[in-house]
Amino acid sequence: MERIDLISILLVIWLSILLMFSDSTDYSLLIILILIGYLVLRELFDISLTRNTKERMNFYLYLGVVFFIYTVAMKVISILRA
């Protein structure tokens, strides 16, 4: 089994756990928890991944960081308006 297959399996397990315990309608929290799991997997397998795989994974990490910044900005704006 290749490393990228193992990462995929672990990410599916993480998503399954999150979906089992998520009963709220706050999707931003769910996406941020998915990002945290993805970051942990990326760091755990950093040594054994090829450069091409790391670059492909980084693209999704950048998208997650942009979403995280957007979510934090919306929360701050909602707090300031109250």
PDB file of N, CA and C in Angstrom:
ATOM      1  N   MET A   1       0.845  -1.174   0.000  1.00  0.00           N
ATOM      2  CA  MET A   1       0.000   0.000   0.000  1.00  0.00           C
ATOM      3  C   MET A   1       0.894   1.242   0.000  1.00  0.00           C
ATOM      4  N   GLU A   2       0.584   2.165  -0.874  1.00  0.00           N
ATOM      5  CA  GLU A   2       1.368   3.396  -0.958  1.00  0.00           C
ATOM      6  C   GLU A   2       0.950   4.353   0.145  1.00  0.00           C
ATOM      7  N   ARG A   3       1.823   5.322   0.390  1.00  0.00           N
ATOM      8  CA  ARG A   3       1.547   6.302   1.451  1.00  0.00           C
ATOM      9  C   ARG A   3       0.319   7.137   1.162  1.00  0.00           C
ATOM     10  N   ILE A   4       0.122   7.514  -0.084  1.00  0.00           N
ATOM     11  CA  ILE A   4      -1.019   8.356  -0.421  1.00  0.00           C
ATOM     12  C   ILE A   4      -2.327   7.591  -0.218  1.00  0.00           C
ATOM     13  N   ASP A   5      -2.304   6.266  -0.422  1.00  0.00           N
ATOM     14  CA  ASP A   5      -3.485   5.450  -0.151  1.00  0.00           C
ATOM     15  C   ASP A   5      -3.790   5.417   1.338  1.00  0.00           C
ATOM     16  N   LEU A   6      -2.753   5.304   2.149  1.00  0.00           N
ATOM     17  CA  LEU A   6      -2.921   5.309   3.599  1.00  0.00           C
ATOM     18  C   LEU A   6      -3.468   6.653   4.077  1.00  0.00           C
ATOM     19  N   ILE A   7      -2.974   7.736   3.512  1.00  0.00           N
ATOM     20  CA  ILE A   7      -3.476   9.063   3.865  1.00  0.00           C
ATOM     21  C   ILE A   7      -4.953   9.175   3.495  1.00  0.00           C
ATOM     22  N   SER A   8      -5.326   8.667   2.342  1.00  0.00           N
ATOM     23  CA  SER A   8      -6.727   8.712   1.910  1.00  0.00           C
ATOM     24  C   SER A   8      -7.625   7.919   2.848  1.00  0.00           C
ATOM     25  N   ILE A   9      -7.174   6.751   3.249  1.00  0.00           N
ATOM     26  CA  ILE A   9      -7.964   5.919   4.158  1.00  0.00           C
ATOM     27  C   ILE A   9      -8.122   6.605   5.509  1.00  0.00           C
ATOM     28  N   LEU A  10      -7.048   7.170   6.033  1.00  0.00           N
ATOM     29  CA  LEU A  10      -7.121   7.861   7.318  1.00  0.00           C
ATOM     30  C   LEU A  10      -8.001   9.102   7.243  1.00  0.00           C
ATOM     31  N   LEU A  11      -7.968   9.803   6.119  1.00  0.00           N
ATOM     32  CA  LEU A  11      -8.827  10.979   5.960  1.00  0.00           C
ATOM     33  C   LEU A  11     -10.302  10.571   5.887  1.00  0.00           C
ATOM     34  N   VAL A  12     -10.607   9.467   5.241  1.00  0.00           N
ATOM     35  CA  VAL A  12     -11.989   8.976   5.189  1.00  0.00           C
ATOM     36  C   VAL A  12     -12.460   8.558   6.581  1.00  0.00           C
ATOM     37  N   ILE A  13     -11.587   7.932   7.353  1.00  0.00           N
ATOM     38  CA  ILE A  13     -11.936   7.565   8.725  1.00  0.00           C
ATOM     39  C   ILE A  13     -12.209   8.819   9.547  1.00  0.00           C
ATOM     40  N   TRP A  14     -11.360   9.848   9.412  1.00  0.00           N
ATOM     41  CA  TRP A  14     -11.551  11.112  10.134  1.00  0.00           C
ATOM     42  C   TRP A  14     -12.889  11.763   9.737  1.00  0.00           C
ATOM     43  N   LEU A  15     -13.184  11.774   8.455  1.00  0.00           N
ATOM     44  CA  LEU A  15     -14.452  12.346   7.987  1.00  0.00           C
ATOM     45  C   LEU A  15     -15.645  11.565   8.523  1.00  0.00           C
ATOM     46  N   SER A  16     -15.528  10.259   8.579  1.00  0.00           N
ATOM     47  CA  SER A  16     -16.616   9.434   9.103  1.00  0.00           C
ATOM     48  C   SER A  16     -16.868   9.721  10.576  1.00  0.00           C
ATOM     49  N   ILE A  17     -15.798   9.859  11.350  1.00  0.00           N
ATOM     50  CA  ILE A  17     -15.938  10.188  12.771  1.00  0.00           C
ATOM     51  C   ILE A  17     -16.592  11.551  12.938  1.00  0.00           C
ATOM     52  N   LEU A  18     -16.159  12.524  12.152  1.00  0.00           N
ATOM     53  CA  LEU A  18     -16.745  13.859  12.243  1.00  0.00           C
ATOM     54  C   LEU A  18     -18.220  13.852  11.886  1.00  0.00           C
ATOM     55  N   LEU A  19     -18.591  13.126  10.854  1.00  0.00           N
ATOM     56  CA  LEU A  19     -19.985  13.087  10.431  1.00  0.00           C
ATOM     57  C   LEU A  19     -20.872  12.341  11.425  1.00  0.00           C
ATOM     58  N   MET A  20     -20.305  11.342  12.118  1.00  0.00           N
ATOM     59  CA  MET A  20     -21.088  10.627  13.126  1.00  0.00           C
ATOM     60  C   MET A  20     -21.444  11.536  14.300  1.00  0.00           C
ATOM     61  N   PHE A  21     -20.524  12.410  14.678  1.00  0.00           N
ATOM     62  CA  PHE A  21     -20.742  13.233  15.859  1.00  0.00           C
ATOM     63  C   PHE A  21     -21.227  14.640  15.556  1.00  0.00           C
ATOM     64  N   SER A  22     -21.375  14.987  14.307  1.00  0.00           N
ATOM     65  CA  SER A  22     -21.847  16.337  13.986  1.00  0.00           C
ATOM     66  C   SER A  22     -23.358  16.314  13.814  1.00  0.00           C
ATOM     67  N   ASP A  23     -24.026  16.972  14.737  1.00  0.00           N
ATOM     68  CA  ASP A  23     -25.472  17.066  14.630  1.00  0.00           C
ATOM     69  C   ASP A  23     -25.920  18.520  14.516  1.00  0.00           C
ATOM     70  N   SER A  24     -24.977  19.421  14.464  1.00  0.00           N
ATOM     71  CA  SER A  24     -25.331  20.831  14.330  1.00  0.00           C
ATOM     72  C   SER A  24     -25.351  21.222  12.850  1.00  0.00           C
ATOM     73  N   THR A  25     -25.878  22.395  12.596  1.00  0.00           N
ATOM     74  CA  THR A  25     -25.942  22.871  11.215  1.00  0.00           C
ATOM     75  C   THR A  25     -24.815  23.841  10.904  1.00  0.00           C
ATOM     76  N   ASP A  26     -23.832  23.940  11.792  1.00  0.00           N
ATOM     77  CA  ASP A  26     -22.708  24.848  11.577  1.00  0.00           C
ATOM     78  C   ASP A  26     -21.658  24.150  10.714  1.00  0.00           C
ATOM     79  N   TYR A  27     -21.768  24.359   9.411  1.00  0.00           N
ATOM     80  CA  TYR A  27     -20.871  23.684   8.480  1.00  0.00           C
ATOM     81  C   TYR A  27     -19.461  24.251   8.521  1.00  0.00           C
ATOM     82  N   SER A  28     -19.313  25.484   8.936  1.00  0.00           N
ATOM     83  CA  SER A  28     -17.974  26.067   8.991  1.00  0.00           C
ATOM     84  C   SER A  28     -17.109  25.348  10.024  1.00  0.00           C
ATOM     85  N   LEU A  29     -17.698  24.961  11.154  1.00  0.00           N
ATOM     86  CA  LEU A  29     -16.954  24.207  12.152  1.00  0.00           C
ATOM     87  C   LEU A  29     -16.536  22.850  11.605  1.00  0.00           C
ATOM     88  N   LEU A  30     -17.426  22.199  10.888  1.00  0.00           N
ATOM     89  CA  LEU A  30     -17.104  20.898  10.301  1.00  0.00           C
ATOM     90  C   LEU A  30     -15.963  21.006   9.299  1.00  0.00           C
ATOM     91  N   ILE A  31     -15.984  22.024   8.465  1.00  0.00           N
ATOM     92  CA  ILE A  31     -14.926  22.194   7.469  1.00  0.00           C
ATOM     93  C   ILE A  31     -13.604  22.531   8.137  1.00  0.00           C
ATOM     94  N   ILE A  32     -13.628  23.309   9.212  1.00  0.00           N
ATOM     95  CA  ILE A  32     -12.397  23.625   9.931  1.00  0.00           C
ATOM     96  C   ILE A  32     -11.828  22.377  10.594  1.00  0.00           C
ATOM     97  N   LEU A  33     -12.674  21.519  11.138  1.00  0.00           N
ATOM     98  CA  LEU A  33     -12.190  20.262  11.718  1.00  0.00           C
ATOM     99  C   LEU A  33     -11.617  19.330  10.651  1.00  0.00           C
ATOM    100  N   ILE A  34     -12.205  19.330   9.475  1.00  0.00           N
ATOM    101  CA  ILE A  34     -11.640  18.563   8.364  1.00  0.00           C
ATOM    102  C   ILE A  34     -10.256  19.102   8.011  1.00  0.00           C
ATOM    103  N   LEU A  35     -10.116  20.424   7.985  1.00  0.00           N
ATOM    104  CA  LEU A  35      -8.822  21.046   7.699  1.00  0.00           C
ATOM    105  C   LEU A  35      -7.783  20.661   8.749  1.00  0.00           C
ATOM    106  N   ILE A  36      -8.176  20.642  10.012  1.00  0.00           N
ATOM    107  CA  ILE A  36      -7.237  20.265  11.073  1.00  0.00           C
ATOM    108  C   ILE A  36      -6.769  18.828  10.885  1.00  0.00           C
ATOM    109  N   GLY A  37      -7.683  17.922  10.575  1.00  0.00           N
ATOM    110  CA  GLY A  37      -7.297  16.533  10.320  1.00  0.00           C
ATOM    111  C   GLY A  37      -6.368  16.406   9.131  1.00  0.00           C
ATOM    112  N   TYR A  38      -6.649  17.169   8.089  1.00  0.00           N
ATOM    113  CA  TYR A  38      -5.805  17.158   6.894  1.00  0.00           C
ATOM    114  C   TYR A  38      -4.409  17.684   7.206  1.00  0.00           C
ATOM    115  N   LEU A  39      -4.341  18.746   8.022  1.00  0.00           N
ATOM    116  CA  LEU A  39      -3.034  19.290   8.428  1.00  0.00           C
ATOM    117  C   LEU A  39      -2.231  18.283   9.238  1.00  0.00           C
ATOM    118  N   VAL A  40      -2.908  17.585  10.141  1.00  0.00           N
ATOM    119  CA  VAL A  40      -2.217  16.577  10.956  1.00  0.00           C
ATOM    120  C   VAL A  40      -1.674  15.461  10.076  1.00  0.00           C
ATOM    121  N   LEU A  41      -2.485  14.971   9.149  1.00  0.00           N
ATOM    122  CA  LEU A  41      -2.013  13.908   8.248  1.00  0.00           C
ATOM    123  C   LEU A  41      -0.862  14.381   7.375  1.00  0.00           C
ATOM    124  N   ARG A  42      -0.936  15.601   6.911  1.00  0.00           N
ATOM    125  CA  ARG A  42       0.133  16.156   6.066  1.00  0.00           C
ATOM    126  C   ARG A  42       1.450  16.206   6.829  1.00  0.00           C
ATOM    127  N   GLU A  43       1.384  16.607   8.095  1.00  0.00           N
ATOM    128  CA  GLU A  43       2.606  16.697   8.894  1.00  0.00           C
ATOM    129  C   GLU A  43       3.123  15.323   9.310  1.00  0.00           C
ATOM    130  N   LEU A  44       2.234  14.389   9.576  1.00  0.00           N
ATOM    131  CA  LEU A  44       2.676  13.054   9.970  1.00  0.00           C
ATOM    132  C   LEU A  44       3.404  12.328   8.850  1.00  0.00           C
ATOM    133  N   PHE A  45       2.966  12.536   7.620  1.00  0.00           N
ATOM    134  CA  PHE A  45       3.545  11.827   6.482  1.00  0.00           C
ATOM    135  C   PHE A  45       4.486  12.704   5.667  1.00  0.00           C
ATOM    136  N   ASP A  46       4.918  13.822   6.205  1.00  0.00           N
ATOM    137  CA  ASP A  46       5.748  14.768   5.467  1.00  0.00           C
ATOM    138  C   ASP A  46       7.067  14.156   5.000  1.00  0.00           C
ATOM    139  N   ILE A  47       7.677  13.363   5.811  1.00  0.00           N
ATOM    140  CA  ILE A  47       8.991  12.801   5.490  1.00  0.00           C
ATOM    141  C   ILE A  47       8.898  11.781   4.354  1.00  0.00           C
ATOM    142  N   SER A  48       7.834  11.013   4.326  1.00  0.00           N
ATOM    143  CA  SER A  48       7.757   9.910   3.372  1.00  0.00           C
ATOM    144  C   SER A  48       7.048  10.254   2.062  1.00  0.00           C
ATOM    145  N   LEU A  49       6.568  11.478   1.900  1.00  0.00           N
ATOM    146  CA  LEU A  49       5.862  11.849   0.675  1.00  0.00           C
ATOM    147  C   LEU A  49       6.833  12.401  -0.365  1.00  0.00           C
ATOM    148  N   THR A  50       6.478  12.197  -1.619  1.00  0.00           N
ATOM    149  CA  THR A  50       7.289  12.765  -2.687  1.00  0.00           C
ATOM    150  C   THR A  50       6.973  14.255  -2.826  1.00  0.00           C
ATOM    151  N   ARG A  51       7.838  14.942  -3.518  1.00  0.00           N
ATOM    152  CA  ARG A  51       7.666  16.387  -3.682  1.00  0.00           C
ATOM    153  C   ARG A  51       6.382  16.720  -4.455  1.00  0.00           C
ATOM    154  N   ASN A  52       6.088  15.931  -5.464  1.00  0.00           N
ATOM    155  CA  ASN A  52       4.885  16.148  -6.256  1.00  0.00           C
ATOM    156  C   ASN A  52       3.619  15.985  -5.406  1.00  0.00           C
ATOM    157  N   THR A  53       3.602  14.969  -4.571  1.00  0.00           N
ATOM    158  CA  THR A  53       2.452  14.734  -3.699  1.00  0.00           C
ATOM    159  C   THR A  53       2.292  15.866  -2.687  1.00  0.00           C
ATOM    160  N   LYS A  54       3.406  16.347  -2.139  1.00  0.00           N
ATOM    161  CA  LYS A  54       3.353  17.458  -1.187  1.00  0.00           C
ATOM    162  C   LYS A  54       2.779  18.714  -1.834  1.00  0.00           C
ATOM    163  N   GLU A  55       3.183  18.970  -3.071  1.00  0.00           N
ATOM    164  CA  GLU A  55       2.680  20.158  -3.760  1.00  0.00           C
ATOM    165  C   GLU A  55       1.188  20.046  -4.041  1.00  0.00           C
ATOM    166  N   ARG A  56       0.733  18.858  -4.392  1.00  0.00           N
ATOM    167  CA  ARG A  56      -0.706  18.670  -4.626  1.00  0.00           C
ATOM    168  C   ARG A  56      -1.490  18.823  -3.334  1.00  0.00           C
ATOM    169  N   MET A  57      -0.960  18.303  -2.231  1.00  0.00           N
ATOM    170  CA  MET A  57      -1.641  18.433  -0.946  1.00  0.00           C
ATOM    171  C   MET A  57      -1.645  19.878  -0.461  1.00  0.00           C
ATOM    172  N   ASN A  58      -0.580  20.607  -0.766  1.00  0.00           N
ATOM    173  CA  ASN A  58      -0.507  21.999  -0.335  1.00  0.00           C
ATOM    174  C   ASN A  58      -1.605  22.853  -0.957  1.00  0.00           C
ATOM    175  N   PHE A  59      -2.007  22.539  -2.180  1.00  0.00           N
ATOM    176  CA  PHE A  59      -3.078  23.290  -2.830  1.00  0.00           C
ATOM    177  C   PHE A  59      -4.349  23.247  -1.989  1.00  0.00           C
ATOM    178  N   TYR A  60      -4.711  22.062  -1.504  1.00  0.00           N
ATOM    179  CA  TYR A  60      -5.911  21.930  -0.685  1.00  0.00           C
ATOM    180  C   TYR A  60      -5.727  22.585   0.683  1.00  0.00           C
ATOM    181  N   LEU A  61      -4.510  22.566   1.185  1.00  0.00           N
ATOM    182  CA  LEU A  61      -4.254  23.263   2.445  1.00  0.00           C
ATOM    183  C   LEU A  61      -4.442  24.764   2.288  1.00  0.00           C
ATOM    184  N   TYR A  62      -3.992  25.311   1.178  1.00  0.00           N
ATOM    185  CA  TYR A  62      -4.173  26.746   0.931  1.00  0.00           C
ATOM    186  C   TYR A  62      -5.649  27.101   0.823  1.00  0.00           C
ATOM    187  N   LEU A  63      -6.425  26.255   0.159  1.00  0.00           N
ATOM    188  CA  LEU A  63      -7.872  26.488   0.086  1.00  0.00           C
ATOM    189  C   LEU A  63      -8.505  26.459   1.476  1.00  0.00           C
ATOM    190  N   GLY A  64      -8.062  25.537   2.296  1.00  0.00           N
ATOM    191  CA  GLY A  64      -8.572  25.453   3.663  1.00  0.00           C
ATOM    192  C   GLY A  64      -8.215  26.663   4.494  1.00  0.00           C
ATOM    193  N   VAL A  65      -7.016  27.164   4.334  1.00  0.00           N
ATOM    194  CA  VAL A  65      -6.598  28.353   5.072  1.00  0.00           C
ATOM    195  C   VAL A  65      -7.403  29.569   4.632  1.00  0.00           C
ATOM    196  N   VAL A  66      -7.666  29.682   3.346  1.00  0.00           N
ATOM    197  CA  VAL A  66      -8.493  30.799   2.848  1.00  0.00           C
ATOM    198  C   VAL A  66      -9.896  30.703   3.438  1.00  0.00           C
ATOM    199  N   PHE A  67     -10.477  29.510   3.483  1.00  0.00           N
ATOM    200  CA  PHE A  67     -11.795  29.342   4.081  1.00  0.00           C
ATOM    201  C   PHE A  67     -11.761  29.676   5.569  1.00  0.00           C
ATOM    202  N   PHE A  68     -10.696  29.263   6.269  1.00  0.00           N
ATOM    203  CA  PHE A  68     -10.561  29.557   7.691  1.00  0.00           C
ATOM    204  C   PHE A  68     -10.501  31.062   7.930  1.00  0.00           C
ATOM    205  N   ILE A  69      -9.732  31.771   7.135  1.00  0.00           N
ATOM    206  CA  ILE A  69      -9.636  33.225   7.272  1.00  0.00           C
ATOM    207  C   ILE A  69     -10.996  33.871   7.015  1.00  0.00           C
ATOM    208  N   TYR A  70     -11.696  33.405   6.009  1.00  0.00           N
ATOM    209  CA  TYR A  70     -13.030  33.930   5.708  1.00  0.00           C
ATOM    210  C   TYR A  70     -13.983  33.693   6.885  1.00  0.00           C
ATOM    211  N   THR A  71     -13.955  32.487   7.460  1.00  0.00           N
ATOM    212  CA  THR A  71     -14.828  32.159   8.573  1.00  0.00           C
ATOM    213  C   THR A  71     -14.530  33.026   9.787  1.00  0.00           C
ATOM    214  N   VAL A  72     -13.255  33.208  10.093  1.00  0.00           N
ATOM    215  CA  VAL A  72     -12.886  34.051  11.232  1.00  0.00           C
ATOM    216  C   VAL A  72     -13.299  35.496  10.993  1.00  0.00           C
ATOM    217  N   ALA A  73     -13.123  35.974   9.784  1.00  0.00           N
ATOM    218  CA  ALA A  73     -13.522  37.351   9.473  1.00  0.00           C
ATOM    219  C   ALA A  73     -15.027  37.527   9.625  1.00  0.00           C
ATOM    220  N   MET A  74     -15.830  36.562   9.181  1.00  0.00           N
ATOM    221  CA  MET A  74     -17.276  36.662   9.319  1.00  0.00           C
ATOM    222  C   MET A  74     -17.703  36.624  10.791  1.00  0.00           C
ATOM    223  N   LYS A  75     -17.024  35.805  11.599  1.00  0.00           N
ATOM    224  CA  LYS A  75     -17.344  35.756  13.028  1.00  0.00           C
ATOM    225  C   LYS A  75     -17.006  37.085  13.709  1.00  0.00           C
ATOM    226  N   VAL A  76     -15.861  37.673  13.352  1.00  0.00           N
ATOM    227  CA  VAL A  76     -15.464  38.945  13.941  1.00  0.00           C
ATOM    228  C   VAL A  76     -16.456  40.028  13.541  1.00  0.00           C
ATOM    229  N   ILE A  77     -16.864  40.045  12.296  1.00  0.00           N
ATOM    230  CA  ILE A  77     -17.829  41.045  11.834  1.00  0.00           C
ATOM    231  C   ILE A  77     -19.161  40.893  12.561  1.00  0.00           C
ATOM    232  N   SER A  78     -19.594  39.650  12.758  1.00  0.00           N
ATOM    233  CA  SER A  78     -20.865  39.425  13.463  1.00  0.00           C
ATOM    234  C   SER A  78     -20.774  39.841  14.935  1.00  0.00           C
ATOM    235  N   ILE A  79     -19.621  39.685  15.542  1.00  0.00           N
ATOM    236  CA  ILE A  79     -19.435  40.119  16.924  1.00  0.00           C
ATOM    237  C   ILE A  79     -19.412  41.643  17.003  1.00  0.00           C
ATOM    238  N   LEU A  80     -18.760  42.285  16.066  1.00  0.00           N
ATOM    239  CA  LEU A  80     -18.687  43.737  16.084  1.00  0.00           C
ATOM    240  C   LEU A  80     -20.041  44.383  15.812  1.00  0.00           C
ATOM    241  N   ARG A  81     -20.892  43.746  15.052  1.00  0.00           N
ATOM    242  CA  ARG A  81     -22.213  44.302  14.762  1.00  0.00           C
ATOM    243  C   ARG A  81     -23.171  44.169  15.941  1.00  0.00           C
ATOM    244  N   ALA A  82     -22.918  43.217  16.828  1.00  0.00           N
ATOM    245  CA  ALA A  82     -23.829  42.987  17.963  1.00  0.00           C
ATOM    246  C   ALA A  82     -23.631  43.991  19.073  1.00  0.00           C
TER     247      ALA A  82
END
